[in-house]
Amino acid sequence: VTPAVFDASEWLEEPPSSVANATPSANRKEAIEGFWIARPW
């Protein structure tokens, strides 16, 4: 079973507006891994 590797540069880009409790960009995480849920309907 191979987990998915998500592109951190796409998923961790700063949102257009500020969000409460946001982590400063200096502490940005560098990797995102997980699993797709097949047939999400």
Full PDB file with SEQRES, HELIX, SHEET, SSBOND, CRYST1, ORIGX, SCALE, CONECT and MASTER records, all heavy atoms in Angstrom:
SEQRES   1 A   41  VAL THR PRO ALA VAL PHE ASP ALA SER GLU TRP LEU GLU          
SEQRES   2 A   41  GLU PRO PRO SER SER VAL ALA ASN ALA THR PRO SER ALA          
SEQRES   3 A   41  ASN ARG LYS GLU ALA ILE GLU GLY PHE TRP ILE ALA ARG          
SEQRES   4 A   41  PRO TRP                                                      
HELIX    1 AA1 ALA A    8  TRP A   11  1                                   4    
HELIX    2 AA2 SER A   25  ASN A   27  5                                   3    
SHEET    1 AA1 2 ALA A   4  PHE A   6  0                                        
SHEET    2 AA1 2 ILE A  32  GLY A  34 -1                                        
CRYST1    1.000    1.000    1.000  90.00  90.00  90.00 P 1           1          
ORIGX1      1.000000  0.000000  0.000000        0.00000                         
ORIGX2      0.000000  1.000000  0.000000        0.00000                         
ORIGX3      0.000000  0.000000  1.000000        0.00000                         
SCALE1      1.000000  0.000000  0.000000        0.00000                         
SCALE2      0.000000  1.000000  0.000000        0.00000                         
SCALE3      0.000000  0.000000  1.000000        0.00000                         
ATOM      1  N   VAL A   1       0.861  -1.188   0.000  1.00  0.00           N  
ATOM      2  CA  VAL A   1       0.000   0.000   0.000  1.00  0.00           C  
ATOM      3  C   VAL A   1       0.895   1.234   0.000  1.00  0.00           C  
ATOM      4  O   VAL A   1       1.649   1.466   0.937  1.00  0.00           O  
ATOM      5  CB  VAL A   1      -0.913   0.016   1.243  1.00  0.00           C  
ATOM      6  CG1 VAL A   1      -1.648   1.348   1.344  1.00  0.00           C  
ATOM      7  CG2 VAL A   1      -1.899  -1.147   1.194  1.00  0.00           C  
ATOM      8  N   THR A   2       0.830   2.005  -1.078  1.00  0.00           N  
ATOM      9  CA  THR A   2       1.674   3.191  -1.208  1.00  0.00           C  
ATOM     10  C   THR A   2       0.868   4.457  -0.953  1.00  0.00           C  
ATOM     11  O   THR A   2      -0.108   4.723  -1.659  1.00  0.00           O  
ATOM     12  CB  THR A   2       2.297   3.277  -2.619  1.00  0.00           C  
ATOM     13  OG1 THR A   2       2.995   2.062  -2.905  1.00  0.00           O  
ATOM     14  CG2 THR A   2       3.264   4.450  -2.704  1.00  0.00           C  
ATOM     15  N   PRO A   3       1.231   5.248   0.051  1.00  0.00           N  
ATOM     16  CA  PRO A   3       0.493   6.488   0.330  1.00  0.00           C  
ATOM     17  C   PRO A   3       0.727   7.534  -0.760  1.00  0.00           C  
ATOM     18  O   PRO A   3       1.711   7.473  -1.505  1.00  0.00           O  
ATOM     19  CB  PRO A   3       1.066   6.935   1.671  1.00  0.00           C  
ATOM     20  CG  PRO A   3       2.428   6.335   1.724  1.00  0.00           C  
ATOM     21  CD  PRO A   3       2.338   5.024   1.000  1.00  0.00           C  
ATOM     22  N   ALA A   4      -0.176   8.482  -0.835  1.00  0.00           N  
ATOM     23  CA  ALA A   4      -0.047   9.572  -1.802  1.00  0.00           C  
ATOM     24  C   ALA A   4       0.911  10.631  -1.268  1.00  0.00           C  
ATOM     25  O   ALA A   4       1.030  10.830  -0.068  1.00  0.00           O  
ATOM     26  CB  ALA A   4      -1.416  10.198  -2.072  1.00  0.00           C  
ATOM     27  N   VAL A   5       1.595  11.289  -2.185  1.00  0.00           N  
ATOM     28  CA  VAL A   5       2.477  12.414  -1.845  1.00  0.00           C  
ATOM     29  C   VAL A   5       1.891  13.657  -2.512  1.00  0.00           C  
ATOM     30  O   VAL A   5       1.790  13.726  -3.736  1.00  0.00           O  
ATOM     31  CB  VAL A   5       3.913  12.175  -2.333  1.00  0.00           C  
ATOM     32  CG1 VAL A   5       4.792  13.369  -1.993  1.00  0.00           C  
ATOM     33  CG2 VAL A   5       4.493  10.908  -1.715  1.00  0.00           C  
ATOM     34  N   PHE A   6       1.475  14.625  -1.707  1.00  0.00           N  
ATOM     35  CA  PHE A   6       0.842  15.830  -2.230  1.00  0.00           C  
ATOM     36  C   PHE A   6       1.868  16.958  -2.364  1.00  0.00           C  
ATOM     37  O   PHE A   6       2.814  17.038  -1.564  1.00  0.00           O  
ATOM     38  CB  PHE A   6      -0.298  16.278  -1.311  1.00  0.00           C  
ATOM     39  CG  PHE A   6      -1.345  15.213  -1.097  1.00  0.00           C  
ATOM     40  CD1 PHE A   6      -1.319  14.416   0.044  1.00  0.00           C  
ATOM     41  CD2 PHE A   6      -2.341  14.998  -2.030  1.00  0.00           C  
ATOM     42  CE1 PHE A   6      -2.268  13.430   0.258  1.00  0.00           C  
ATOM     43  CE2 PHE A   6      -3.298  14.001  -1.833  1.00  0.00           C  
ATOM     44  CZ  PHE A   6      -3.255  13.222  -0.684  1.00  0.00           C  
ATOM     45  N   ASP A   7       1.675  17.803  -3.342  1.00  0.00           N  
ATOM     46  CA  ASP A   7       2.604  18.900  -3.608  1.00  0.00           C  
ATOM     47  C   ASP A   7       2.403  20.005  -2.562  1.00  0.00           C  
ATOM     48  O   ASP A   7       1.404  20.726  -2.579  1.00  0.00           O  
ATOM     49  CB  ASP A   7       2.363  19.448  -5.012  1.00  0.00           C  
ATOM     50  CG  ASP A   7       3.431  20.445  -5.442  1.00  0.00           C  
ATOM     51  OD1 ASP A   7       4.075  21.061  -4.565  1.00  0.00           O  
ATOM     52  OD2 ASP A   7       3.633  20.619  -6.659  1.00  0.00           O  
ATOM     53  N   ALA A   8       3.379  20.137  -1.663  1.00  0.00           N  
ATOM     54  CA  ALA A   8       3.256  21.123  -0.581  1.00  0.00           C  
ATOM     55  C   ALA A   8       3.194  22.545  -1.114  1.00  0.00           C  
ATOM     56  O   ALA A   8       2.535  23.415  -0.534  1.00  0.00           O  
ATOM     57  CB  ALA A   8       4.426  20.982   0.395  1.00  0.00           C  
ATOM     58  N   SER A   9       3.866  22.827  -2.233  1.00  0.00           N  
ATOM     59  CA  SER A   9       3.865  24.186  -2.773  1.00  0.00           C  
ATOM     60  C   SER A   9       2.483  24.589  -3.269  1.00  0.00           C  
ATOM     61  O   SER A   9       2.140  25.772  -3.293  1.00  0.00           O  
ATOM     62  CB  SER A   9       4.873  24.294  -3.921  1.00  0.00           C  
ATOM     63  OG  SER A   9       4.483  23.487  -5.023  1.00  0.00           O  
ATOM     64  N   GLU A  10       1.657  23.618  -3.647  1.00  0.00           N  
ATOM     65  CA  GLU A  10       0.299  23.910  -4.094  1.00  0.00           C  
ATOM     66  C   GLU A  10      -0.678  23.976  -2.925  1.00  0.00           C  
ATOM     67  O   GLU A  10      -1.538  24.849  -2.870  1.00  0.00           O  
ATOM     68  CB  GLU A  10      -0.171  22.836  -5.086  1.00  0.00           C  
ATOM     69  CG  GLU A  10       0.588  22.828  -6.397  1.00  0.00           C  
ATOM     70  CD  GLU A  10       0.094  21.736  -7.326  1.00  0.00           C  
ATOM     71  OE1 GLU A  10      -0.660  20.847  -6.857  1.00  0.00           O  
ATOM     72  OE2 GLU A  10       0.458  21.751  -8.510  1.00  0.00           O  
ATOM     73  N   TRP A  11      -0.535  23.036  -1.997  1.00  0.00           N  
ATOM     74  CA  TRP A  11      -1.519  22.934  -0.922  1.00  0.00           C  
ATOM     75  C   TRP A  11      -1.235  23.827   0.267  1.00  0.00           C  
ATOM     76  O   TRP A  11      -2.137  24.095   1.074  1.00  0.00           O  
ATOM     77  CB  TRP A  11      -1.641  21.492  -0.463  1.00  0.00           C  
ATOM     78  CG  TRP A  11      -2.355  20.650  -1.459  1.00  0.00           C  
ATOM     79  CD1 TRP A  11      -1.795  19.828  -2.394  1.00  0.00           C  
ATOM     80  CD2 TRP A  11      -3.777  20.573  -1.654  1.00  0.00           C  
ATOM     81  NE1 TRP A  11      -2.783  19.235  -3.157  1.00  0.00           N  
ATOM     82  CE2 TRP A  11      -4.005  19.674  -2.726  1.00  0.00           C  
ATOM     83  CE3 TRP A  11      -4.867  21.162  -1.025  1.00  0.00           C  
ATOM     84  CZ2 TRP A  11      -5.287  19.360  -3.172  1.00  0.00           C  
ATOM     85  CZ3 TRP A  11      -6.151  20.866  -1.472  1.00  0.00           C  
ATOM     86  CH2 TRP A  11      -6.352  19.971  -2.536  1.00  0.00           C  
ATOM     87  N   LEU A  12      -0.003  24.313   0.393  1.00  0.00           N  
ATOM     88  CA  LEU A  12       0.322  25.161   1.539  1.00  0.00           C  
ATOM     89  C   LEU A  12       0.539  26.615   1.153  1.00  0.00           C  
ATOM     90  O   LEU A  12       1.100  27.386   1.923  1.00  0.00           O  
ATOM     91  CB  LEU A  12       1.572  24.630   2.262  1.00  0.00           C  
ATOM     92  CG  LEU A  12       1.453  23.226   2.833  1.00  0.00           C  
ATOM     93  CD1 LEU A  12       2.705  22.867   3.622  1.00  0.00           C  
ATOM     94  CD2 LEU A  12       0.222  23.084   3.715  1.00  0.00           C  
ATOM     95  N   GLU A  13       0.121  26.995  -0.042  1.00  0.00           N  
ATOM     96  CA  GLU A  13       0.253  28.398  -0.448  1.00  0.00           C  
ATOM     97  C   GLU A  13      -0.611  29.262   0.443  1.00  0.00           C  
ATOM     98  O   GLU A  13      -1.630  28.820   0.981  1.00  0.00           O  
ATOM     99  CB  GLU A  13      -0.156  28.564  -1.914  1.00  0.00           C  
ATOM    100  CG  GLU A  13      -1.610  28.224  -2.172  1.00  0.00           C  
ATOM    101  CD  GLU A  13      -1.954  28.270  -3.647  1.00  0.00           C  
ATOM    102  OE1 GLU A  13      -1.058  28.530  -4.454  1.00  0.00           O  
ATOM    103  OE2 GLU A  13      -3.134  28.056  -3.962  1.00  0.00           O  
ATOM    104  N   GLU A  14      -0.194  30.493   0.650  1.00  0.00           N  
ATOM    105  CA  GLU A  14      -0.931  31.390   1.545  1.00  0.00           C  
ATOM    106  C   GLU A  14      -2.321  31.675   0.993  1.00  0.00           C  
ATOM    107  O   GLU A  14      -2.487  31.910  -0.198  1.00  0.00           O  
ATOM    108  CB  GLU A  14      -0.172  32.716   1.709  1.00  0.00           C  
ATOM    109  CG  GLU A  14       1.156  32.562   2.419  1.00  0.00           C  
ATOM    110  CD  GLU A  14       0.991  32.085   3.854  1.00  0.00           C  
ATOM    111  OE1 GLU A  14      -0.079  32.325   4.433  1.00  0.00           O  
ATOM    112  OE2 GLU A  14       1.932  31.471   4.384  1.00  0.00           O  
ATOM    113  N   PRO A  15      -3.353  31.656   1.831  1.00  0.00           N  
ATOM    114  CA  PRO A  15      -4.707  31.988   1.387  1.00  0.00           C  
ATOM    115  C   PRO A  15      -4.808  33.460   1.049  1.00  0.00           C  
ATOM    116  O   PRO A  15      -4.005  34.269   1.502  1.00  0.00           O  
ATOM    117  CB  PRO A  15      -5.573  31.638   2.597  1.00  0.00           C  
ATOM    118  CG  PRO A  15      -4.647  31.799   3.761  1.00  0.00           C  
ATOM    119  CD  PRO A  15      -3.284  31.381   3.267  1.00  0.00           C  
ATOM    120  N   PRO A  16      -5.801  33.859   0.198  1.00  0.00           N  
ATOM    121  CA  PRO A  16      -5.951  35.257  -0.179  1.00  0.00           C  
ATOM    122  C   PRO A  16      -6.240  36.185   0.986  1.00  0.00           C  
ATOM    123  O   PRO A  16      -5.953  37.360   0.942  1.00  0.00           O  
ATOM    124  CB  PRO A  16      -7.133  35.223  -1.162  1.00  0.00           C  
ATOM    125  CG  PRO A  16      -7.853  33.945  -0.857  1.00  0.00           C  
ATOM    126  CD  PRO A  16      -6.791  32.990  -0.428  1.00  0.00           C  
ATOM    127  N   SER A  17      -6.821  35.647   2.052  1.00  0.00           N  
ATOM    128  CA  SER A  17      -7.106  36.469   3.226  1.00  0.00           C  
ATOM    129  C   SER A  17      -6.545  35.773   4.449  1.00  0.00           C  
ATOM    130  O   SER A  17      -6.359  34.570   4.472  1.00  0.00           O  
ATOM    131  CB  SER A  17      -8.618  36.674   3.379  1.00  0.00           C  
ATOM    132  OG  SER A  17      -9.263  35.428   3.515  1.00  0.00           O  
ATOM    133  N   SER A  18      -6.283  36.539   5.496  1.00  0.00           N  
ATOM    134  CA  SER A  18      -5.703  35.962   6.705  1.00  0.00           C  
ATOM    135  C   SER A  18      -6.697  35.050   7.387  1.00  0.00           C  
ATOM    136  O   SER A  18      -7.902  35.255   7.333  1.00  0.00           O  
ATOM    137  CB  SER A  18      -5.286  37.077   7.665  1.00  0.00           C  
ATOM    138  OG  SER A  18      -6.402  37.865   8.015  1.00  0.00           O  
ATOM    139  N   VAL A  19      -6.184  34.009   8.057  1.00  0.00           N  
ATOM    140  CA  VAL A  19      -7.017  33.056   8.771  1.00  0.00           C  
ATOM    141  C   VAL A  19      -6.568  33.030  10.225  1.00  0.00           C  
ATOM    142  O   VAL A  19      -5.384  33.040  10.513  1.00  0.00           O  
ATOM    143  CB  VAL A  19      -6.881  31.639   8.154  1.00  0.00           C  
ATOM    144  CG1 VAL A  19      -7.755  30.642   8.913  1.00  0.00           C  
ATOM    145  CG2 VAL A  19      -7.241  31.663   6.683  1.00  0.00           C  
ATOM    146  N   ALA A  20      -7.530  33.011  11.130  1.00  0.00           N  
ATOM    147  CA  ALA A  20      -7.184  32.981  12.556  1.00  0.00           C  
ATOM    148  C   ALA A  20      -6.384  31.735  12.881  1.00  0.00           C  
ATOM    149  O   ALA A  20      -6.580  30.679  12.285  1.00  0.00           O  
ATOM    150  CB  ALA A  20      -8.476  33.008  13.388  1.00  0.00           C  
ATOM    151  N   ASN A  21      -5.468  31.870  13.826  1.00  0.00           N  
ATOM    152  CA  ASN A  21      -4.630  30.760  14.284  1.00  0.00           C  
ATOM    153  C   ASN A  21      -3.661  30.266  13.237  1.00  0.00           C  
ATOM    154  O   ASN A  21      -3.161  29.146  13.316  1.00  0.00           O  
ATOM    155  CB  ASN A  21      -5.497  29.576  14.761  1.00  0.00           C  
ATOM    156  CG  ASN A  21      -6.421  29.949  15.885  1.00  0.00           C  
ATOM    157  OD1 ASN A  21      -6.040  30.716  16.776  1.00  0.00           O  
ATOM    158  ND2 ASN A  21      -7.652  29.435  15.844  1.00  0.00           N  
ATOM    159  N   ALA A  22      -3.412  31.061  12.198  1.00  0.00           N  
ATOM    160  CA  ALA A  22      -2.487  30.632  11.150  1.00  0.00           C  
ATOM    161  C   ALA A  22      -1.067  30.554  11.693  1.00  0.00           C  
ATOM    162  O   ALA A  22      -0.657  31.347  12.533  1.00  0.00           O  
ATOM    163  CB  ALA A  22      -2.541  31.602   9.966  1.00  0.00           C  
ATOM    164  N   THR A  23      -0.315  29.572  11.182  1.00  0.00           N  
ATOM    165  CA  THR A  23       1.075  29.417  11.562  1.00  0.00           C  
ATOM    166  C   THR A  23       1.928  30.325  10.692  1.00  0.00           C  
ATOM    167  O   THR A  23       1.734  30.369   9.475  1.00  0.00           O  
ATOM    168  CB  THR A  23       1.516  27.951  11.362  1.00  0.00           C  
ATOM    169  OG1 THR A  23       0.679  27.123  12.157  1.00  0.00           O  
ATOM    170  CG2 THR A  23       2.962  27.765  11.760  1.00  0.00           C  
ATOM    171  N   PRO A  24       2.877  31.082  11.232  1.00  0.00           N  
ATOM    172  CA  PRO A  24       3.723  31.950  10.424  1.00  0.00           C  
ATOM    173  C   PRO A  24       4.407  31.174   9.318  1.00  0.00           C  
ATOM    174  O   PRO A  24       4.809  30.030   9.496  1.00  0.00           O  
ATOM    175  CB  PRO A  24       4.746  32.481  11.452  1.00  0.00           C  
ATOM    176  CG  PRO A  24       4.052  32.370  12.767  1.00  0.00           C  
ATOM    177  CD  PRO A  24       3.203  31.159  12.669  1.00  0.00           C  
ATOM    178  N   SER A  25       4.568  31.819   8.150  1.00  0.00           N  
ATOM    179  CA  SER A  25       5.158  31.146   6.998  1.00  0.00           C  
ATOM    180  C   SER A  25       6.583  30.705   7.259  1.00  0.00           C  
ATOM    181  O   SER A  25       7.091  29.790   6.622  1.00  0.00           O  
ATOM    182  CB  SER A  25       5.110  32.067   5.770  1.00  0.00           C  
ATOM    183  OG  SER A  25       5.791  33.282   6.041  1.00  0.00           O  
ATOM    184  N   ALA A  26       7.252  31.336   8.222  1.00  0.00           N  
ATOM    185  CA  ALA A  26       8.627  30.944   8.530  1.00  0.00           C  
ATOM    186  C   ALA A  26       8.679  29.524   9.083  1.00  0.00           C  
ATOM    187  O   ALA A  26       9.685  28.832   8.974  1.00  0.00           O  
ATOM    188  CB  ALA A  26       9.223  31.902   9.554  1.00  0.00           C  
ATOM    189  N   ASN A  27       7.548  29.069   9.659  1.00  0.00           N  
ATOM    190  CA  ASN A  27       7.497  27.721  10.220  1.00  0.00           C  
ATOM    191  C   ASN A  27       6.785  26.751   9.281  1.00  0.00           C  
ATOM    192  O   ASN A  27       6.275  25.733   9.710  1.00  0.00           O  
ATOM    193  CB  ASN A  27       6.762  27.738  11.564  1.00  0.00           C  
ATOM    194  CG  ASN A  27       7.490  28.564  12.590  1.00  0.00           C  
ATOM    195  OD1 ASN A  27       8.714  28.615  12.592  1.00  0.00           O  
ATOM    196  ND2 ASN A  27       6.730  29.231  13.448  1.00  0.00           N  
ATOM    197  N   ARG A  28       6.734  27.104   8.004  1.00  0.00           N  
ATOM    198  CA  ARG A  28       5.992  26.321   7.034  1.00  0.00           C  
ATOM    199  C   ARG A  28       6.438  24.866   7.015  1.00  0.00           C  
ATOM    200  O   ARG A  28       7.611  24.568   7.074  1.00  0.00           O  
ATOM    201  CB  ARG A  28       6.151  26.920   5.637  1.00  0.00           C  
ATOM    202  CG  ARG A  28       5.624  26.027   4.524  1.00  0.00           C  
ATOM    203  CD  ARG A  28       5.412  26.774   3.240  1.00  0.00           C  
ATOM    204  NE  ARG A  28       4.301  27.696   3.376  1.00  0.00           N  
ATOM    205  CZ  ARG A  28       3.884  28.478   2.379  1.00  0.00           C  
ATOM    206  NH1 ARG A  28       4.482  28.484   1.230  1.00  0.00           N  
ATOM    207  NH2 ARG A  28       2.872  29.294   2.568  1.00  0.00           N  
ATOM    208  N   LYS A  29       5.483  23.962   6.906  1.00  0.00           N  
ATOM    209  CA  LYS A  29       5.764  22.537   6.830  1.00  0.00           C  
ATOM    210  C   LYS A  29       6.298  22.225   5.428  1.00  0.00           C  
ATOM    211  O   LYS A  29       6.070  22.958   4.490  1.00  0.00           O  
ATOM    212  CB  LYS A  29       4.503  21.725   7.097  1.00  0.00           C  
ATOM    213  CG  LYS A  29       3.676  22.196   8.281  1.00  0.00           C  
ATOM    214  CD  LYS A  29       4.412  22.156   9.604  1.00  0.00           C  
ATOM    215  CE  LYS A  29       3.526  22.619  10.731  1.00  0.00           C  
ATOM    216  NZ  LYS A  29       4.187  22.591  12.033  1.00  0.00           N  
ATOM    217  N   GLU A  30       6.996  21.133   5.321  1.00  0.00           N  
ATOM    218  CA  GLU A  30       7.641  20.872   4.036  1.00  0.00           C  
ATOM    219  C   GLU A  30       7.166  19.631   3.299  1.00  0.00           C  
ATOM    220  O   GLU A  30       7.574  19.391   2.172  1.00  0.00           O  
ATOM    221  CB  GLU A  30       9.154  20.780   4.234  1.00  0.00           C  
ATOM    222  CG  GLU A  30       9.611  19.621   5.066  1.00  0.00           C  
ATOM    223  CD  GLU A  30      11.110  19.457   5.039  1.00  0.00           C  
ATOM    224  OE1 GLU A  30      11.809  20.441   4.762  1.00  0.00           O  
ATOM    225  OE2 GLU A  30      11.565  18.342   5.291  1.00  0.00           O  
ATOM    226  N   ALA A  31       6.334  18.818   3.911  1.00  0.00           N  
ATOM    227  CA  ALA A  31       5.862  17.617   3.230  1.00  0.00           C  
ATOM    228  C   ALA A  31       4.429  17.306   3.615  1.00  0.00           C  
ATOM    229  O   ALA A  31       4.010  17.556   4.743  1.00  0.00           O  
ATOM    230  CB  ALA A  31       6.762  16.435   3.583  1.00  0.00           C  
ATOM    231  N   ILE A  32       3.671  16.773   2.645  1.00  0.00           N  
ATOM    232  CA  ILE A  32       2.293  16.349   2.894  1.00  0.00           C  
ATOM    233  C   ILE A  32       2.119  14.952   2.314  1.00  0.00           C  
ATOM    234  O   ILE A  32       2.347  14.739   1.127  1.00  0.00           O  
ATOM    235  CB  ILE A  32       1.253  17.283   2.247  1.00  0.00           C  
ATOM    236  CG1 ILE A  32       1.561  18.741   2.541  1.00  0.00           C  
ATOM    237  CG2 ILE A  32      -0.144  16.931   2.727  1.00  0.00           C  
ATOM    238  CD1 ILE A  32       0.585  19.687   1.868  1.00  0.00           C  
ATOM    239  N   GLU A  33       1.720  14.021   3.155  1.00  0.00           N  
ATOM    240  CA  GLU A  33       1.498  12.645   2.719  1.00  0.00           C  
ATOM    241  C   GLU A  33       0.159  12.151   3.261  1.00  0.00           C  
ATOM    242  O   GLU A  33      -0.329  12.660   4.276  1.00  0.00           O  
ATOM    243  CB  GLU A  33       2.622  11.732   3.217  1.00  0.00           C  
ATOM    244  CG  GLU A  33       3.990  12.129   2.692  1.00  0.00           C  
ATOM    245  CD  GLU A  33       5.108  11.281   3.276  1.00  0.00           C  
ATOM    246  OE1 GLU A  33       4.825  10.407   4.133  1.00  0.00           O  
ATOM    247  OE2 GLU A  33       6.262  11.488   2.875  1.00  0.00           O  
ATOM    248  N   GLY A  34      -0.429  11.204   2.577  1.00  0.00           N  
ATOM    249  CA  GLY A  34      -1.709  10.687   3.046  1.00  0.00           C  
ATOM    250  C   GLY A  34      -2.317   9.704   2.074  1.00  0.00           C  
ATOM    251  O   GLY A  34      -1.607   8.953   1.399  1.00  0.00           O  
ATOM    252  N   PHE A  35      -3.644   9.726   1.977  1.00  0.00           N  
ATOM    253  CA  PHE A  35      -4.361   8.745   1.169  1.00  0.00           C  
ATOM    254  C   PHE A  35      -5.561   9.393   0.484  1.00  0.00           C  
ATOM    255  O   PHE A  35      -6.277  10.197   1.088  1.00  0.00           O  
ATOM    256  CB  PHE A  35      -4.857   7.594   2.045  1.00  0.00           C  
ATOM    257  CG  PHE A  35      -3.760   6.796   2.677  1.00  0.00           C  
ATOM    258  CD1 PHE A  35      -3.235   7.193   3.902  1.00  0.00           C  
ATOM    259  CD2 PHE A  35      -3.258   5.670   2.057  1.00  0.00           C  
ATOM    260  CE1 PHE A  35      -2.210   6.461   4.497  1.00  0.00           C  
ATOM    261  CE2 PHE A  35      -2.241   4.928   2.648  1.00  0.00           C  
ATOM    262  CZ  PHE A  35      -1.712   5.323   3.861  1.00  0.00           C  
ATOM    263  N   TRP A  36      -5.770   9.020  -0.768  1.00  0.00           N  
ATOM    264  CA  TRP A  36      -7.006   9.388  -1.447  1.00  0.00           C  
ATOM    265  C   TRP A  36      -8.123   8.479  -0.950  1.00  0.00           C  
ATOM    266  O   TRP A  36      -7.898   7.303  -0.679  1.00  0.00           O  
ATOM    267  CB  TRP A  36      -6.883   9.209  -2.956  1.00  0.00           C  
ATOM    268  CG  TRP A  36      -5.988  10.188  -3.658  1.00  0.00           C  
ATOM    269  CD1 TRP A  36      -4.792   9.926  -4.250  1.00  0.00           C  
ATOM    270  CD2 TRP A  36      -6.235  11.587  -3.861  1.00  0.00           C  
ATOM    271  NE1 TRP A  36      -4.272  11.078  -4.795  1.00  0.00           N  
ATOM    272  CE2 TRP A  36      -5.136  12.100  -4.578  1.00  0.00           C  
ATOM    273  CE3 TRP A  36      -7.269  12.442  -3.493  1.00  0.00           C  
ATOM    274  CZ2 TRP A  36      -5.044  13.439  -4.931  1.00  0.00           C  
ATOM    275  CZ3 TRP A  36      -7.181  13.787  -3.855  1.00  0.00           C  
ATOM    276  CH2 TRP A  36      -6.083  14.266  -4.569  1.00  0.00           C  
ATOM    277  N   ILE A  37      -9.323   9.018  -0.868  1.00  0.00           N  
ATOM    278  CA  ILE A  37     -10.517   8.209  -0.584  1.00  0.00           C  
ATOM    279  C   ILE A  37     -11.200   7.954  -1.915  1.00  0.00           C  
ATOM    280  O   ILE A  37     -11.736   8.874  -2.536  1.00  0.00           O  
ATOM    281  CB  ILE A  37     -11.478   8.931   0.386  1.00  0.00           C  
ATOM    282  CG1 ILE A  37     -10.813   9.073   1.756  1.00  0.00           C  
ATOM    283  CG2 ILE A  37     -12.791   8.153   0.509  1.00  0.00           C  
ATOM    284  CD1 ILE A  37     -11.700   9.708   2.813  1.00  0.00           C  
ATOM    285  N   ALA A  38     -11.137   6.710  -2.374  1.00  0.00           N  
ATOM    286  CA  ALA A  38     -11.761   6.362  -3.648  1.00  0.00           C  
ATOM    287  C   ALA A  38     -13.281   6.452  -3.538  1.00  0.00           C  
ATOM    288  O   ALA A  38     -13.851   6.272  -2.470  1.00  0.00           O  
ATOM    289  CB  ALA A  38     -11.354   4.941  -4.052  1.00  0.00           C  
ATOM    290  N   ARG A  39     -13.948   6.735  -4.637  1.00  0.00           N  
ATOM    291  CA  ARG A  39     -15.405   6.861  -4.696  1.00  0.00           C  
ATOM    292  C   ARG A  39     -15.937   7.766  -3.583  1.00  0.00           C  
ATOM    293  O   ARG A  39     -16.752   7.341  -2.750  1.00  0.00           O  
ATOM    294  CB  ARG A  39     -16.066   5.477  -4.595  1.00  0.00           C  
ATOM    295  CG  ARG A  39     -15.696   4.517  -5.700  1.00  0.00           C  
ATOM    296  CD  ARG A  39     -16.331   3.140  -5.510  1.00  0.00           C  
ATOM    297  NE  ARG A  39     -15.803   2.462  -4.333  1.00  0.00           N  
ATOM    298  CZ  ARG A  39     -16.479   2.290  -3.218  1.00  0.00           C  
ATOM    299  NH1 ARG A  39     -17.713   2.750  -3.092  1.00  0.00           N  
ATOM    300  NH2 ARG A  39     -15.934   1.649  -2.198  1.00  0.00           N  
ATOM    301  N   PRO A  40     -15.488   9.019  -3.517  1.00  0.00           N  
ATOM    302  CA  PRO A  40     -15.898   9.902  -2.419  1.00  0.00           C  
ATOM    303  C   PRO A  40     -17.370  10.297  -2.455  1.00  0.00           C  
ATOM    304  O   PRO A  40     -17.811  11.071  -1.612  1.00  0.00           O  
ATOM    305  CB  PRO A  40     -14.987  11.123  -2.611  1.00  0.00           C  
ATOM    306  CG  PRO A  40     -14.677  11.132  -4.072  1.00  0.00           C  
ATOM    307  CD  PRO A  40     -14.568   9.694  -4.451  1.00  0.00           C  
ATOM    308  N   TRP A  41     -18.102   9.769  -3.398  1.00  0.00           N  
ATOM    309  CA  TRP A  41     -19.550  10.020  -3.447  1.00  0.00           C  
ATOM    310  C   TRP A  41     -20.318   8.897  -2.733  1.00  0.00           C  
ATOM    311  O   TRP A  41     -21.532   8.951  -2.609  1.00  0.00           O  
ATOM    312  CB  TRP A  41     -20.023  10.096  -4.900  1.00  0.00           C  
ATOM    313  CG  TRP A  41     -19.537   8.946  -5.727  1.00  0.00           C  
ATOM    314  CD1 TRP A  41     -20.107   7.706  -5.851  1.00  0.00           C  
ATOM    315  CD2 TRP A  41     -18.354   8.911  -6.508  1.00  0.00           C  
ATOM    316  NE1 TRP A  41     -19.358   6.899  -6.669  1.00  0.00           N  
ATOM    317  CE2 TRP A  41     -18.268   7.625  -7.093  1.00  0.00           C  
ATOM    318  CE3 TRP A  41     -17.351   9.844  -6.792  1.00  0.00           C  
ATOM    319  CZ2 TRP A  41     -17.215   7.244  -7.935  1.00  0.00           C  
ATOM    320  CZ3 TRP A  41     -16.303   9.465  -7.632  1.00  0.00           C  
ATOM    321  CH2 TRP A  41     -16.239   8.185  -8.199  1.00  0.00           C  
TER     322      TRP A  41                                                      
MASTER        0    0    0    2    2    0    0    6  321    1    0    4          
END                                                                             
